[in-house]
Amino acid sequence: MGMKKVIDSFWKICLLKSAPQDLPASNFLLLMSVLAYGLAGIMIGMISMPPGQTFISSLLDIALVGSMTQLLLWIKDMQPRFQQAFTALMGTGAILAFLALPVLFLQIQMGEQPAFIPSLIIICMVLWNLTVVGHILRHAISAPFFVGMLLAVTYMYVSMSIMRSLFATAS
């Protein structure tokens, strides 16, 4: 599978036109997705955190998404779906994070000035990300979309709570 085709596959999942099971079950694709997600996380983290904390935060984020996905699939007795679900979460997360980077940089450049438009775009991107995660999770556990969305919001809440408790003094 060529790089263009891989990115296209993740993009179709971002647009809710494909599902995680449409991705090939590939250790290499999983590794590349995790690396891209980690890089995107580091780049976003460097906007507001020191490099060391950014790296740790990115690794922790990957571990949290992987652990929560594994736990969810274990509870539903659907562990064989982990590789494709986690690959989809990492790949789509990387794409959406890279799309958010210019807006985040713009918001930083604006400083104290009102940043309504960048803030609105970021809110829309967070909602898009939640929708994509919900879409992936609902397919991973064969559940209705609203269940996937509830799980996505739960993922985000747990992740933010853990990150805030670990890195609150750093910001």
N, C-alpha and C. Protein backbone atom coordinates (compact mmCIF):
# COMPACT_ATOMS: atom_id res chain seq x y z
N MET A 1 0.86 -1.18 0.00
CA MET A 1 0.00 0.00 0.00
C MET A 1 0.90 1.24 0.00
N GLY A 2 0.75 2.08 -1.02
CA GLY A 2 1.56 3.28 -1.14
C GLY A 2 1.15 4.35 -0.14
N MET A 3 2.04 5.31 0.07
CA MET A 3 1.78 6.37 1.06
C MET A 3 0.53 7.17 0.72
N LYS A 4 0.34 7.49 -0.56
CA LYS A 4 -0.85 8.25 -0.96
C LYS A 4 -2.12 7.46 -0.64
N LYS A 5 -2.09 6.17 -0.90
CA LYS A 5 -3.26 5.33 -0.65
C LYS A 5 -3.54 5.22 0.86
N VAL A 6 -2.47 5.15 1.65
CA VAL A 6 -2.62 5.08 3.11
C VAL A 6 -3.27 6.36 3.63
N ILE A 7 -2.73 7.50 3.20
CA ILE A 7 -3.29 8.79 3.65
C ILE A 7 -4.73 8.92 3.18
N ASP A 8 -5.01 8.49 1.96
CA ASP A 8 -6.38 8.52 1.44
C ASP A 8 -7.31 7.64 2.29
N SER A 9 -6.82 6.49 2.70
CA SER A 9 -7.63 5.60 3.55
C SER A 9 -7.96 6.26 4.87
N PHE A 10 -6.97 6.89 5.50
CA PHE A 10 -7.22 7.59 6.77
C PHE A 10 -8.15 8.79 6.55
N TRP A 11 -7.96 9.49 5.44
CA TRP A 11 -8.80 10.65 5.14
C TRP A 11 -10.26 10.22 4.98
N LYS A 12 -10.49 9.08 4.33
CA LYS A 12 -11.86 8.59 4.18
C LYS A 12 -12.48 8.26 5.53
N ILE A 13 -11.67 7.77 6.45
CA ILE A 13 -12.19 7.51 7.80
C ILE A 13 -12.51 8.85 8.47
N CYS A 14 -11.65 9.86 8.29
CA CYS A 14 -11.91 11.19 8.84
C CYS A 14 -13.22 11.77 8.31
N LEU A 15 -13.56 11.42 7.08
CA LEU A 15 -14.81 11.90 6.48
C LEU A 15 -15.98 10.95 6.74
N LEU A 16 -15.74 9.93 7.55
CA LEU A 16 -16.74 8.92 7.94
C LEU A 16 -17.23 8.10 6.74
N LYS A 17 -16.40 8.01 5.70
CA LYS A 17 -16.76 7.26 4.50
C LYS A 17 -16.18 5.85 4.53
N SER A 18 -15.24 5.61 5.43
CA SER A 18 -14.65 4.28 5.59
C SER A 18 -14.61 3.98 7.09
N ALA A 19 -14.25 2.76 7.41
CA ALA A 19 -14.20 2.31 8.80
C ALA A 19 -12.84 1.67 9.07
N PRO A 20 -12.52 1.44 10.33
CA PRO A 20 -11.20 0.86 10.63
C PRO A 20 -10.98 -0.50 9.98
N GLN A 21 -12.03 -1.27 9.80
CA GLN A 21 -11.89 -2.60 9.19
C GLN A 21 -11.52 -2.51 7.70
N ASP A 22 -11.60 -1.31 7.13
CA ASP A 22 -11.19 -1.12 5.74
C ASP A 22 -9.67 -0.98 5.60
N LEU A 23 -9.00 -0.78 6.71
CA LEU A 23 -7.53 -0.70 6.70
C LEU A 23 -6.95 -2.11 6.70
N PRO A 24 -5.79 -2.29 6.11
CA PRO A 24 -5.15 -3.61 6.20
C PRO A 24 -4.66 -3.85 7.63
N ALA A 25 -4.71 -5.09 8.07
CA ALA A 25 -4.14 -5.45 9.37
C ALA A 25 -2.64 -5.58 9.16
N SER A 26 -1.90 -4.54 9.53
CA SER A 26 -0.48 -4.47 9.22
C SER A 26 0.29 -3.89 10.39
N ASN A 27 1.29 -4.63 10.87
CA ASN A 27 2.15 -4.11 11.94
C ASN A 27 2.90 -2.87 11.47
N PHE A 28 3.35 -2.88 10.21
CA PHE A 28 4.09 -1.73 9.68
C PHE A 28 3.20 -0.49 9.64
N LEU A 29 1.96 -0.63 9.17
CA LEU A 29 1.04 0.50 9.11
C LEU A 29 0.73 1.00 10.52
N LEU A 30 0.58 0.09 11.46
CA LEU A 30 0.34 0.48 12.86
C LEU A 30 1.53 1.29 13.38
N LEU A 31 2.74 0.80 13.15
CA LEU A 31 3.94 1.50 13.61
C LEU A 31 4.04 2.90 12.98
N MET A 32 3.82 2.99 11.68
CA MET A 32 3.90 4.29 11.01
C MET A 32 2.82 5.25 11.53
N SER A 33 1.65 4.72 11.81
CA SER A 33 0.56 5.54 12.33
C SER A 33 0.90 6.06 13.73
N VAL A 34 1.45 5.19 14.56
CA VAL A 34 1.84 5.59 15.92
C VAL A 34 2.94 6.65 15.85
N LEU A 35 3.91 6.45 14.97
CA LEU A 35 4.99 7.44 14.83
C LEU A 35 4.45 8.79 14.35
N ALA A 36 3.55 8.77 13.37
CA ALA A 36 2.96 10.03 12.87
C ALA A 36 2.15 10.72 13.96
N TYR A 37 1.38 9.94 14.71
CA TYR A 37 0.57 10.48 15.80
C TYR A 37 1.48 11.07 16.88
N GLY A 38 2.55 10.35 17.20
CA GLY A 38 3.50 10.84 18.19
C GLY A 38 4.16 12.13 17.76
N LEU A 39 4.58 12.19 16.51
CA LEU A 39 5.20 13.41 15.97
C LEU A 39 4.23 14.58 16.01
N ALA A 40 3.00 14.34 15.60
CA ALA A 40 1.99 15.40 15.64
C ALA A 40 1.76 15.87 17.07
N GLY A 41 1.71 14.91 17.99
CA GLY A 41 1.52 15.26 19.41
C GLY A 41 2.67 16.09 19.95
N ILE A 42 3.88 15.73 19.55
CA ILE A 42 5.05 16.49 20.00
C ILE A 42 5.00 17.91 19.43
N MET A 43 4.66 18.03 18.16
CA MET A 43 4.60 19.36 17.53
C MET A 43 3.54 20.25 18.19
N ILE A 44 2.40 19.68 18.48
CA ILE A 44 1.34 20.45 19.16
C ILE A 44 1.76 20.78 20.58
N GLY A 45 2.34 19.80 21.27
CA GLY A 45 2.76 20.02 22.65
C GLY A 45 3.81 21.10 22.80
N MET A 46 4.68 21.22 21.79
CA MET A 46 5.76 22.21 21.88
C MET A 46 5.24 23.65 21.84
N ILE A 47 3.99 23.81 21.48
CA ILE A 47 3.39 25.14 21.50
C ILE A 47 3.29 25.66 22.93
N SER A 48 3.05 24.74 23.88
CA SER A 48 2.79 25.20 25.25
C SER A 48 3.62 24.52 26.34
N MET A 49 4.45 23.53 25.98
CA MET A 49 5.21 22.80 26.99
C MET A 49 6.68 22.71 26.61
N PRO A 50 7.53 22.50 27.60
CA PRO A 50 8.95 22.26 27.30
C PRO A 50 9.12 20.93 26.54
N PRO A 51 10.18 20.79 25.75
CA PRO A 51 10.37 19.59 24.92
C PRO A 51 10.29 18.25 25.68
N GLY A 52 10.92 18.16 26.84
CA GLY A 52 10.90 16.91 27.60
C GLY A 52 9.49 16.51 28.00
N GLN A 53 8.73 17.48 28.49
CA GLN A 53 7.35 17.20 28.87
C GLN A 53 6.49 16.88 27.65
N THR A 54 6.80 17.54 26.55
CA THR A 54 6.06 17.29 25.31
C THR A 54 6.24 15.84 24.87
N PHE A 55 7.47 15.35 24.92
CA PHE A 55 7.75 13.97 24.52
C PHE A 55 7.04 12.99 25.45
N ILE A 56 7.13 13.21 26.75
CA ILE A 56 6.47 12.34 27.73
C ILE A 56 4.96 12.39 27.55
N SER A 57 4.43 13.58 27.35
CA SER A 57 2.99 13.75 27.15
C SER A 57 2.52 12.99 25.91
N SER A 58 3.29 13.06 24.83
CA SER A 58 2.92 12.37 23.60
C SER A 58 2.94 10.85 23.79
N LEU A 59 3.99 10.35 24.44
CA LEU A 59 4.05 8.91 24.73
C LEU A 59 2.89 8.46 25.61
N LEU A 60 2.59 9.26 26.62
CA LEU A 60 1.49 8.93 27.52
C LEU A 60 0.16 8.93 26.78
N ASP A 61 -0.02 9.89 25.89
CA ASP A 61 -1.25 9.96 25.10
C ASP A 61 -1.43 8.69 24.26
N ILE A 62 -0.35 8.27 23.60
CA ILE A 62 -0.40 7.04 22.80
C ILE A 62 -0.74 5.85 23.68
N ALA A 63 -0.10 5.76 24.84
CA ALA A 63 -0.36 4.65 25.77
C ALA A 63 -1.80 4.67 26.27
N LEU A 64 -2.33 5.86 26.55
CA LEU A 64 -3.72 5.96 27.02
C LEU A 64 -4.71 5.52 25.95
N VAL A 65 -4.52 6.01 24.73
CA VAL A 65 -5.43 5.63 23.64
C VAL A 65 -5.35 4.11 23.42
N GLY A 66 -4.13 3.58 23.40
CA GLY A 66 -3.96 2.14 23.22
C GLY A 66 -4.57 1.34 24.35
N SER A 67 -4.35 1.78 25.58
CA SER A 67 -4.88 1.05 26.74
C SER A 67 -6.40 1.10 26.80
N MET A 68 -6.95 2.29 26.56
CA MET A 68 -8.41 2.41 26.61
C MET A 68 -9.05 1.61 25.48
N THR A 69 -8.43 1.60 24.31
CA THR A 69 -8.96 0.82 23.19
C THR A 69 -8.90 -0.68 23.51
N GLN A 70 -7.76 -1.11 24.03
CA GLN A 70 -7.61 -2.52 24.41
C GLN A 70 -8.62 -2.91 25.48
N LEU A 71 -8.81 -2.07 26.48
CA LEU A 71 -9.78 -2.35 27.55
C LEU A 71 -11.19 -2.45 26.98
N LEU A 72 -11.56 -1.50 26.14
CA LEU A 72 -12.89 -1.51 25.54
C LEU A 72 -13.12 -2.79 24.74
N LEU A 73 -12.15 -3.16 23.92
CA LEU A 73 -12.29 -4.37 23.10
C LEU A 73 -12.27 -5.63 23.97
N TRP A 74 -11.52 -5.62 25.06
CA TRP A 74 -11.51 -6.76 25.98
C TRP A 74 -12.87 -6.92 26.65
N ILE A 75 -13.45 -5.79 27.10
CA ILE A 75 -14.78 -5.82 27.73
C ILE A 75 -15.81 -6.39 26.76
N LYS A 76 -15.72 -6.01 25.49
CA LYS A 76 -16.67 -6.47 24.47
C LYS A 76 -16.25 -7.81 23.86
N ASP A 77 -15.14 -8.40 24.33
CA ASP A 77 -14.60 -9.65 23.81
C ASP A 77 -14.37 -9.58 22.30
N MET A 78 -13.72 -8.49 21.90
CA MET A 78 -13.43 -8.26 20.47
C MET A 78 -11.96 -7.87 20.28
N GLN A 79 -11.07 -8.48 21.05
CA GLN A 79 -9.65 -8.13 21.02
C GLN A 79 -9.01 -8.22 19.63
N PRO A 80 -9.44 -9.16 18.76
CA PRO A 80 -8.81 -9.22 17.43
C PRO A 80 -8.96 -7.94 16.60
N ARG A 81 -9.86 -7.06 16.98
CA ARG A 81 -10.07 -5.82 16.24
C ARG A 81 -9.11 -4.70 16.66
N PHE A 82 -8.27 -4.98 17.65
CA PHE A 82 -7.40 -3.94 18.20
C PHE A 82 -6.49 -3.31 17.15
N GLN A 83 -5.79 -4.13 16.39
CA GLN A 83 -4.78 -3.60 15.47
C GLN A 83 -5.37 -2.57 14.51
N GLN A 84 -6.48 -2.92 13.87
CA GLN A 84 -7.07 -1.99 12.90
C GLN A 84 -7.70 -0.78 13.59
N ALA A 85 -8.34 -0.99 14.74
CA ALA A 85 -8.95 0.14 15.46
C ALA A 85 -7.87 1.12 15.94
N PHE A 86 -6.80 0.59 16.53
CA PHE A 86 -5.73 1.45 17.04
C PHE A 86 -5.00 2.15 15.89
N THR A 87 -4.79 1.43 14.80
CA THR A 87 -4.18 2.03 13.61
C THR A 87 -5.04 3.19 13.12
N ALA A 88 -6.35 2.98 13.05
CA ALA A 88 -7.27 4.03 12.59
C ALA A 88 -7.25 5.23 13.53
N LEU A 89 -7.25 4.98 14.83
CA LEU A 89 -7.22 6.08 15.80
C LEU A 89 -5.93 6.89 15.68
N MET A 90 -4.81 6.19 15.51
CA MET A 90 -3.52 6.88 15.40
C MET A 90 -3.42 7.64 14.07
N GLY A 91 -3.78 7.00 12.98
CA GLY A 91 -3.66 7.62 11.66
C GLY A 91 -4.56 8.82 11.49
N THR A 92 -5.81 8.68 11.87
CA THR A 92 -6.73 9.81 11.75
C THR A 92 -6.38 10.91 12.74
N GLY A 93 -5.94 10.51 13.93
CA GLY A 93 -5.51 11.50 14.93
C GLY A 93 -4.34 12.32 14.42
N ALA A 94 -3.40 11.66 13.74
CA ALA A 94 -2.25 12.37 13.17
C ALA A 94 -2.71 13.36 12.11
N ILE A 95 -3.57 12.93 11.21
CA ILE A 95 -4.04 13.81 10.14
C ILE A 95 -4.75 15.04 10.73
N LEU A 96 -5.65 14.81 11.67
CA LEU A 96 -6.39 15.93 12.25
C LEU A 96 -5.47 16.85 13.06
N ALA A 97 -4.47 16.28 13.72
CA ALA A 97 -3.53 17.11 14.47
C ALA A 97 -2.69 17.97 13.53
N PHE A 98 -2.22 17.38 12.43
CA PHE A 98 -1.44 18.16 11.47
C PHE A 98 -2.29 19.26 10.84
N LEU A 99 -3.59 18.99 10.63
CA LEU A 99 -4.48 20.03 10.10
C LEU A 99 -4.69 21.15 11.12
N ALA A 100 -4.66 20.81 12.40
CA ALA A 100 -4.89 21.81 13.45
C ALA A 100 -3.66 22.69 13.70
N LEU A 101 -2.48 22.19 13.38
CA LEU A 101 -1.25 22.93 13.69
C LEU A 101 -1.23 24.38 13.18
N PRO A 102 -1.54 24.63 11.92
CA PRO A 102 -1.50 26.03 11.46
C PRO A 102 -2.46 26.93 12.23
N VAL A 103 -3.61 26.41 12.60
CA VAL A 103 -4.59 27.21 13.34
C VAL A 103 -4.06 27.49 14.74
N LEU A 104 -3.45 26.49 15.36
CA LEU A 104 -2.88 26.70 16.69
C LEU A 104 -1.74 27.72 16.65
N PHE A 105 -0.90 27.63 15.63
CA PHE A 105 0.18 28.62 15.49
C PHE A 105 -0.38 30.02 15.25
N LEU A 106 -1.42 30.12 14.45
CA LEU A 106 -2.06 31.42 14.21
C LEU A 106 -2.58 32.00 15.51
N GLN A 107 -3.21 31.16 16.31
CA GLN A 107 -3.76 31.62 17.58
C GLN A 107 -2.64 32.12 18.50
N ILE A 108 -1.51 31.43 18.52
CA ILE A 108 -0.36 31.87 19.32
C ILE A 108 0.17 33.20 18.80
N GLN A 109 0.25 33.36 17.48
CA GLN A 109 0.75 34.59 16.87
C GLN A 109 -0.14 35.80 17.21
N MET A 110 -1.41 35.54 17.38
CA MET A 110 -2.34 36.64 17.66
C MET A 110 -2.17 37.14 19.10
N GLY A 111 -1.58 36.33 19.94
CA GLY A 111 -1.30 36.75 21.32
C GLY A 111 -2.55 37.15 22.07
N GLU A 112 -2.51 38.36 22.60
CA GLU A 112 -3.61 38.86 23.43
C GLU A 112 -4.80 39.37 22.62
N GLN A 113 -4.63 39.49 21.32
CA GLN A 113 -5.72 39.98 20.48
C GLN A 113 -6.87 38.96 20.49
N PRO A 114 -8.08 39.44 20.30
CA PRO A 114 -9.20 38.51 20.20
C PRO A 114 -8.96 37.50 19.07
N ALA A 115 -9.14 36.25 19.37
CA ALA A 115 -8.87 35.20 18.38
C ALA A 115 -10.12 34.36 18.16
N PHE A 116 -11.22 35.02 17.86
CA PHE A 116 -12.49 34.32 17.73
C PHE A 116 -12.46 33.26 16.63
N ILE A 117 -12.01 33.64 15.45
CA ILE A 117 -12.04 32.71 14.31
C ILE A 117 -11.14 31.49 14.56
N PRO A 118 -9.86 31.69 14.95
CA PRO A 118 -9.04 30.49 15.24
C PRO A 118 -9.65 29.63 16.35
N SER A 119 -10.21 30.28 17.38
CA SER A 119 -10.81 29.51 18.47
C SER A 119 -12.01 28.70 17.97
N LEU A 120 -12.81 29.32 17.13
CA LEU A 120 -13.97 28.64 16.56
C LEU A 120 -13.52 27.46 15.69
N ILE A 121 -12.47 27.66 14.91
CA ILE A 121 -11.95 26.57 14.07
C ILE A 121 -11.43 25.43 14.94
N ILE A 122 -10.73 25.77 16.03
CA ILE A 122 -10.22 24.74 16.93
C ILE A 122 -11.37 23.96 17.57
N ILE A 123 -12.41 24.65 18.00
CA ILE A 123 -13.57 23.97 18.57
C ILE A 123 -14.18 23.02 17.53
N CYS A 124 -14.31 23.48 16.31
CA CYS A 124 -14.85 22.62 15.24
C CYS A 124 -13.95 21.40 15.01
N MET A 125 -12.63 21.61 15.07
CA MET A 125 -11.70 20.49 14.87
C MET A 125 -11.78 19.49 16.02
N VAL A 126 -11.97 19.97 17.24
CA VAL A 126 -12.14 19.07 18.38
C VAL A 126 -13.42 18.25 18.20
N LEU A 127 -14.49 18.91 17.78
CA LEU A 127 -15.74 18.19 17.54
C LEU A 127 -15.58 17.18 16.40
N TRP A 128 -14.86 17.55 15.36
CA TRP A 128 -14.59 16.64 14.25
C TRP A 128 -13.79 15.44 14.76
N ASN A 129 -12.77 15.71 15.56
CA ASN A 129 -11.96 14.63 16.11
C ASN A 129 -12.81 13.68 16.96
N LEU A 130 -13.66 14.24 17.81
CA LEU A 130 -14.54 13.40 18.63
C LEU A 130 -15.45 12.54 17.75
N THR A 131 -15.96 13.13 16.68
CA THR A 131 -16.83 12.40 15.77
C THR A 131 -16.08 11.26 15.10
N VAL A 132 -14.86 11.50 14.68
CA VAL A 132 -14.05 10.47 14.03
C VAL A 132 -13.72 9.35 15.02
N VAL A 133 -13.33 9.71 16.24
CA VAL A 133 -13.05 8.69 17.26
C VAL A 133 -14.31 7.89 17.55
N GLY A 134 -15.44 8.57 17.68
CA GLY A 134 -16.71 7.87 17.90
C GLY A 134 -17.04 6.92 16.77
N HIS A 135 -16.80 7.36 15.54
CA HIS A 135 -17.03 6.54 14.35
C HIS A 135 -16.15 5.28 14.37
N ILE A 136 -14.88 5.45 14.70
CA ILE A 136 -13.95 4.32 14.75
C ILE A 136 -14.35 3.35 15.86
N LEU A 137 -14.64 3.88 17.04
CA LEU A 137 -14.98 3.00 18.17
C LEU A 137 -16.29 2.26 17.95
N ARG A 138 -17.26 2.93 17.36
CA ARG A 138 -18.53 2.24 17.12
C ARG A 138 -18.35 1.08 16.16
N HIS A 139 -17.50 1.26 15.15
CA HIS A 139 -17.22 0.16 14.24
C HIS A 139 -16.41 -0.93 14.94
N ALA A 140 -15.49 -0.53 15.79
CA ALA A 140 -14.64 -1.51 16.48
C ALA A 140 -15.46 -2.44 17.37
N ILE A 141 -16.52 -1.90 17.98
CA ILE A 141 -17.32 -2.74 18.88
C ILE A 141 -18.72 -3.05 18.33
N SER A 142 -18.95 -2.71 17.07
CA SER A 142 -20.25 -2.97 16.42
C SER A 142 -21.40 -2.40 17.25
N ALA A 143 -21.34 -1.11 17.52
CA ALA A 143 -22.35 -0.45 18.34
C ALA A 143 -22.94 0.73 17.57
N PRO A 144 -24.06 1.27 18.05
CA PRO A 144 -24.64 2.46 17.41
C PRO A 144 -23.70 3.66 17.52
N PHE A 145 -23.89 4.63 16.63
CA PHE A 145 -23.02 5.80 16.59
C PHE A 145 -23.01 6.56 17.92
N PHE A 146 -24.17 6.70 18.57
CA PHE A 146 -24.21 7.47 19.81
C PHE A 146 -23.36 6.80 20.89
N VAL A 147 -23.25 5.47 20.87
CA VAL A 147 -22.39 4.77 21.83
C VAL A 147 -20.93 5.12 21.54
N GLY A 148 -20.57 5.13 20.26
CA GLY A 148 -19.22 5.53 19.89
C GLY A 148 -18.91 6.94 20.33
N MET A 149 -19.88 7.84 20.18
CA MET A 149 -19.67 9.23 20.60
C MET A 149 -19.52 9.33 22.12
N LEU A 150 -20.32 8.60 22.86
CA LEU A 150 -20.17 8.59 24.32
C LEU A 150 -18.79 8.08 24.72
N LEU A 151 -18.33 7.05 24.04
CA LEU A 151 -17.00 6.52 24.31
C LEU A 151 -15.92 7.53 23.95
N ALA A 152 -16.09 8.23 22.83
CA ALA A 152 -15.11 9.24 22.41
C ALA A 152 -15.02 10.36 23.45
N VAL A 153 -16.15 10.82 23.93
CA VAL A 153 -16.16 11.87 24.95
C VAL A 153 -15.51 11.34 26.23
N THR A 154 -15.79 10.09 26.57
CA THR A 154 -15.16 9.48 27.75
C THR A 154 -13.65 9.41 27.58
N TYR A 155 -13.18 8.96 26.40
CA TYR A 155 -11.74 8.94 26.10
C TYR A 155 -11.14 10.32 26.34
N MET A 156 -11.78 11.34 25.76
CA MET A 156 -11.24 12.69 25.85
C MET A 156 -11.21 13.16 27.31
N TYR A 157 -12.27 12.90 28.05
CA TYR A 157 -12.33 13.32 29.45
C TYR A 157 -11.25 12.64 30.28
N VAL A 158 -11.11 11.33 30.13
CA VAL A 158 -10.11 10.59 30.89
C VAL A 158 -8.71 11.08 30.53
N SER A 159 -8.45 11.21 29.24
CA SER A 159 -7.14 11.66 28.78
C SER A 159 -6.82 13.06 29.30
N MET A 160 -7.75 13.98 29.16
CA MET A 160 -7.52 15.35 29.62
C MET A 160 -7.33 15.40 31.13
N SER A 161 -8.10 14.62 31.86
CA SER A 161 -7.98 14.59 33.32
C SER A 161 -6.61 14.09 33.74
N ILE A 162 -6.15 13.03 33.12
CA ILE A 162 -4.84 12.48 33.46
C ILE A 162 -3.74 13.47 33.09
N MET A 163 -3.81 14.01 31.89
CA MET A 163 -2.79 14.97 31.45
C MET A 163 -2.77 16.21 32.33
N ARG A 164 -3.94 16.70 32.67
CA ARG A 164 -4.02 17.89 33.53
C ARG A 164 -3.41 17.61 34.89
N SER A 165 -3.70 16.44 35.45
CA SER A 165 -3.17 16.14 36.77
C SER A 165 -1.65 15.95 36.74
N LEU A 166 -1.13 15.43 35.65
CA LEU A 166 0.32 15.21 35.56
C LEU A 166 1.10 16.45 35.16
N PHE A 167 0.50 17.28 34.32
CA PHE A 167 1.25 18.40 33.75
C PHE A 167 0.70 19.77 34.16
N ALA A 168 -0.22 19.82 35.12
CA ALA A 168 -0.84 21.10 35.51
C ALA A 168 0.19 22.10 36.03
N THR A 169 1.15 21.63 36.80
CA THR A 169 2.14 22.55 37.36
C THR A 169 3.11 23.03 36.30
N ALA A 170 3.15 22.31 35.17
CA ALA A 170 4.10 22.66 34.11
C ALA A 170 3.59 23.83 33.26
N SER A 171 2.27 24.04 33.20
CA SER A 171 1.77 25.08 32.30
C SER A 171 1.78 26.44 32.90
